[in-house]
Amino acid sequence: MSSPCVAICQLSDPAQPDLDVNTELLVLEDNETHVLTWDAEPRDGGFDVHVLNDRVDALGFMVVTDWQFLDGKAYAVVERRPDR
């Protein structure tokens, strides 16, 4: 059984327009940090939850809590998928 870990999504600081990347997702798992970046704008003051779930899935994790939004960032508890 995998242990819960934290996912944080935020806009890159500073944005990297030359790379067309402005959003980053970090999953903090034990002593590892998994990072995924892409170009997307948050909508209506928050990130698109469906996109966040897809990005977490692409890293081999699943979201176990609802996403929470605070100070322009999104947070959720995630777990590694058992089949990965």
N, C-alpha and C. Protein backbone atom coordinates (compact mmCIF):
# COMPACT_ATOMS: atom_id res chain seq x y z
N MET A 1 0.84 -1.18 0.00
CA MET A 1 0.00 0.00 0.00
C MET A 1 0.88 1.24 0.00
N SER A 2 0.58 2.19 -0.86
CA SER A 2 1.39 3.39 -0.93
C SER A 2 0.93 4.40 0.12
N SER A 3 1.87 5.23 0.51
CA SER A 3 1.53 6.25 1.50
C SER A 3 1.11 7.53 0.81
N PRO A 4 0.22 8.30 1.45
CA PRO A 4 -0.22 9.57 0.85
C PRO A 4 0.95 10.55 0.72
N CYS A 5 0.87 11.38 -0.28
CA CYS A 5 1.86 12.44 -0.47
C CYS A 5 1.13 13.69 -0.98
N VAL A 6 1.87 14.74 -1.19
CA VAL A 6 1.28 16.04 -1.54
C VAL A 6 1.56 16.41 -2.98
N ALA A 7 0.53 16.95 -3.65
CA ALA A 7 0.69 17.52 -4.99
C ALA A 7 0.44 19.01 -4.89
N ILE A 8 1.30 19.79 -5.53
CA ILE A 8 1.16 21.25 -5.55
C ILE A 8 1.26 21.69 -6.99
N CYS A 9 0.31 22.49 -7.43
CA CYS A 9 0.36 23.06 -8.77
C CYS A 9 0.44 24.57 -8.63
N GLN A 10 1.34 25.17 -9.41
CA GLN A 10 1.53 26.61 -9.33
C GLN A 10 2.02 27.13 -10.68
N LEU A 11 1.87 28.42 -10.85
CA LEU A 11 2.46 29.05 -12.02
C LEU A 11 3.96 29.15 -11.80
N SER A 12 4.73 28.96 -12.85
CA SER A 12 6.18 29.07 -12.76
C SER A 12 6.55 30.49 -12.35
N ASP A 13 7.57 30.61 -11.55
CA ASP A 13 8.00 31.93 -11.10
C ASP A 13 9.50 32.04 -11.31
N PRO A 14 9.97 32.78 -12.24
CA PRO A 14 9.19 33.56 -13.21
C PRO A 14 8.73 32.67 -14.36
N ALA A 15 7.73 33.12 -15.07
CA ALA A 15 7.25 32.38 -16.24
C ALA A 15 8.37 32.28 -17.26
N GLN A 16 8.35 31.22 -18.03
CA GLN A 16 9.41 30.97 -19.01
C GLN A 16 8.83 31.04 -20.41
N PRO A 17 8.58 32.25 -20.93
CA PRO A 17 7.89 32.37 -22.22
C PRO A 17 8.65 31.74 -23.38
N ASP A 18 9.95 31.70 -23.32
CA ASP A 18 10.72 31.11 -24.41
C ASP A 18 10.54 29.60 -24.48
N LEU A 19 10.11 28.98 -23.40
CA LEU A 19 9.91 27.54 -23.39
C LEU A 19 8.43 27.16 -23.48
N ASP A 20 7.54 28.15 -23.56
CA ASP A 20 6.09 27.90 -23.57
C ASP A 20 5.65 27.05 -22.38
N VAL A 21 6.25 27.30 -21.23
CA VAL A 21 5.90 26.60 -19.99
C VAL A 21 5.59 27.65 -18.94
N ASN A 22 4.43 27.56 -18.34
CA ASN A 22 4.15 28.51 -17.27
C ASN A 22 3.48 27.86 -16.06
N THR A 23 3.23 26.55 -16.13
CA THR A 23 2.57 25.86 -15.03
C THR A 23 3.41 24.65 -14.63
N GLU A 24 3.54 24.43 -13.32
CA GLU A 24 4.29 23.28 -12.87
C GLU A 24 3.52 22.54 -11.78
N LEU A 25 3.62 21.22 -11.84
CA LEU A 25 3.01 20.34 -10.86
C LEU A 25 4.13 19.61 -10.15
N LEU A 26 4.13 19.69 -8.84
CA LEU A 26 5.13 18.99 -8.03
C LEU A 26 4.42 17.96 -7.17
N VAL A 27 4.92 16.74 -7.16
CA VAL A 27 4.43 15.72 -6.24
C VAL A 27 5.59 15.37 -5.33
N LEU A 28 5.39 15.59 -4.04
CA LEU A 28 6.42 15.35 -3.04
C LEU A 28 6.15 13.98 -2.43
N GLU A 29 7.03 13.01 -2.75
CA GLU A 29 6.85 11.62 -2.32
C GLU A 29 8.12 11.17 -1.61
N ASP A 30 8.01 10.90 -0.31
CA ASP A 30 9.15 10.51 0.50
C ASP A 30 10.30 11.49 0.26
N ASN A 31 11.41 11.02 -0.27
CA ASN A 31 12.57 11.89 -0.53
C ASN A 31 12.69 12.27 -2.00
N GLU A 32 11.61 12.08 -2.76
CA GLU A 32 11.63 12.38 -4.19
C GLU A 32 10.66 13.51 -4.52
N THR A 33 11.01 14.27 -5.54
CA THR A 33 10.12 15.29 -6.07
C THR A 33 9.88 14.98 -7.54
N HIS A 34 8.63 14.80 -7.92
CA HIS A 34 8.26 14.54 -9.31
C HIS A 34 7.71 15.84 -9.87
N VAL A 35 8.18 16.24 -11.05
CA VAL A 35 7.81 17.52 -11.63
C VAL A 35 7.28 17.32 -13.04
N LEU A 36 6.19 17.99 -13.34
CA LEU A 36 5.62 18.00 -14.68
C LEU A 36 5.28 19.45 -15.00
N THR A 37 5.65 19.92 -16.19
CA THR A 37 5.38 21.30 -16.57
C THR A 37 4.59 21.33 -17.88
N TRP A 38 3.81 22.39 -18.05
CA TRP A 38 3.05 22.58 -19.28
C TRP A 38 2.61 24.04 -19.37
N ASP A 39 2.03 24.39 -20.51
CA ASP A 39 1.56 25.75 -20.74
C ASP A 39 0.05 25.78 -20.57
N ALA A 40 -0.42 26.42 -19.52
CA ALA A 40 -1.86 26.55 -19.28
C ALA A 40 -2.09 27.71 -18.33
N GLU A 41 -3.18 28.38 -18.51
CA GLU A 41 -3.53 29.50 -17.63
C GLU A 41 -4.60 29.06 -16.64
N PRO A 42 -4.49 29.47 -15.40
CA PRO A 42 -5.58 29.18 -14.47
C PRO A 42 -6.84 29.95 -14.89
N ARG A 43 -7.99 29.37 -14.67
CA ARG A 43 -9.24 29.99 -15.08
C ARG A 43 -10.03 30.43 -13.86
N ASP A 44 -10.55 31.64 -13.93
CA ASP A 44 -11.41 32.16 -12.87
C ASP A 44 -10.76 32.06 -11.49
N GLY A 45 -9.48 32.31 -11.43
CA GLY A 45 -8.79 32.30 -10.14
C GLY A 45 -8.39 30.93 -9.66
N GLY A 46 -8.64 29.89 -10.44
CA GLY A 46 -8.26 28.54 -10.04
C GLY A 46 -7.84 27.72 -11.24
N PHE A 47 -7.21 26.61 -11.00
CA PHE A 47 -6.77 25.73 -12.07
C PHE A 47 -7.91 24.80 -12.47
N ASP A 48 -7.87 24.29 -13.69
CA ASP A 48 -8.86 23.34 -14.18
C ASP A 48 -8.62 21.99 -13.48
N VAL A 49 -9.57 21.55 -12.69
CA VAL A 49 -9.43 20.33 -11.90
C VAL A 49 -9.23 19.10 -12.78
N HIS A 50 -9.90 19.04 -13.93
CA HIS A 50 -9.75 17.89 -14.82
C HIS A 50 -8.32 17.81 -15.36
N VAL A 51 -7.74 18.95 -15.70
CA VAL A 51 -6.36 18.98 -16.17
C VAL A 51 -5.42 18.56 -15.05
N LEU A 52 -5.65 19.06 -13.84
CA LEU A 52 -4.81 18.67 -12.70
C LEU A 52 -4.86 17.17 -12.48
N ASN A 53 -6.06 16.59 -12.52
CA ASN A 53 -6.19 15.14 -12.32
C ASN A 53 -5.46 14.36 -13.40
N ASP A 54 -5.56 14.82 -14.66
CA ASP A 54 -4.86 14.15 -15.77
C ASP A 54 -3.35 14.23 -15.59
N ARG A 55 -2.85 15.38 -15.16
CA ARG A 55 -1.40 15.55 -14.98
C ARG A 55 -0.88 14.69 -13.83
N VAL A 56 -1.65 14.61 -12.75
CA VAL A 56 -1.26 13.74 -11.63
C VAL A 56 -1.22 12.29 -12.10
N ASP A 57 -2.23 11.89 -12.88
CA ASP A 57 -2.29 10.54 -13.41
C ASP A 57 -1.08 10.24 -14.30
N ALA A 58 -0.67 11.23 -15.11
CA ALA A 58 0.49 11.05 -15.99
C ALA A 58 1.77 10.77 -15.21
N LEU A 59 1.83 11.24 -13.97
CA LEU A 59 3.00 10.98 -13.12
C LEU A 59 2.88 9.66 -12.37
N GLY A 60 1.75 8.95 -12.54
CA GLY A 60 1.57 7.66 -11.89
C GLY A 60 0.90 7.73 -10.53
N PHE A 61 0.18 8.81 -10.27
CA PHE A 61 -0.50 8.99 -8.99
C PHE A 61 -1.99 9.15 -9.21
N MET A 62 -2.75 9.07 -8.13
CA MET A 62 -4.19 9.34 -8.18
C MET A 62 -4.52 10.31 -7.05
N VAL A 63 -5.47 11.18 -7.32
CA VAL A 63 -5.89 12.19 -6.34
C VAL A 63 -6.84 11.53 -5.35
N VAL A 64 -6.59 11.71 -4.04
CA VAL A 64 -7.45 11.10 -3.02
C VAL A 64 -8.25 12.13 -2.23
N THR A 65 -7.98 13.42 -2.42
CA THR A 65 -8.79 14.47 -1.81
C THR A 65 -9.19 15.46 -2.90
N ASP A 66 -10.14 16.29 -2.61
CA ASP A 66 -10.47 17.37 -3.54
C ASP A 66 -9.32 18.36 -3.57
N TRP A 67 -9.13 19.00 -4.72
CA TRP A 67 -8.13 20.05 -4.83
C TRP A 67 -8.58 21.25 -4.00
N GLN A 68 -7.65 21.85 -3.30
CA GLN A 68 -7.89 23.07 -2.54
C GLN A 68 -7.06 24.18 -3.17
N PHE A 69 -7.58 25.40 -3.20
CA PHE A 69 -6.91 26.51 -3.86
C PHE A 69 -6.61 27.59 -2.83
N LEU A 70 -5.35 28.03 -2.80
CA LEU A 70 -4.93 29.04 -1.84
C LEU A 70 -3.78 29.83 -2.43
N ASP A 71 -3.91 31.15 -2.45
CA ASP A 71 -2.84 32.04 -2.92
C ASP A 71 -2.31 31.68 -4.30
N GLY A 72 -3.21 31.36 -5.23
CA GLY A 72 -2.81 31.08 -6.61
C GLY A 72 -2.18 29.72 -6.82
N LYS A 73 -2.29 28.83 -5.84
CA LYS A 73 -1.76 27.47 -5.97
C LYS A 73 -2.87 26.48 -5.69
N ALA A 74 -2.70 25.27 -6.19
CA ALA A 74 -3.65 24.19 -5.95
C ALA A 74 -2.93 23.08 -5.19
N TYR A 75 -3.62 22.50 -4.21
CA TYR A 75 -3.04 21.46 -3.36
C TYR A 75 -3.99 20.27 -3.28
N ALA A 76 -3.42 19.06 -3.26
CA ALA A 76 -4.22 17.86 -3.06
C ALA A 76 -3.34 16.77 -2.45
N VAL A 77 -3.99 15.83 -1.79
CA VAL A 77 -3.30 14.64 -1.32
C VAL A 77 -3.43 13.61 -2.43
N VAL A 78 -2.33 12.96 -2.76
CA VAL A 78 -2.31 11.96 -3.83
C VAL A 78 -1.61 10.70 -3.32
N GLU A 79 -1.82 9.60 -4.03
CA GLU A 79 -1.14 8.33 -3.75
C GLU A 79 -0.65 7.76 -5.06
N ARG A 80 0.45 7.01 -4.98
CA ARG A 80 0.97 6.33 -6.17
C ARG A 80 -0.04 5.25 -6.57
N ARG A 81 -0.30 5.14 -7.86
CA ARG A 81 -1.21 4.11 -8.36
C ARG A 81 -0.58 2.74 -8.08
N PRO A 82 -1.37 1.79 -7.62
CA PRO A 82 -0.81 0.48 -7.26
C PRO A 82 -0.19 -0.26 -8.43
N ASP A 83 -0.61 0.01 -9.65
CA ASP A 83 -0.10 -0.70 -10.83
C ASP A 83 1.17 -0.07 -11.40
N ARG A 84 1.76 0.92 -10.68
CA ARG A 84 2.96 1.60 -11.23
C ARG A 84 4.11 1.44 -10.31
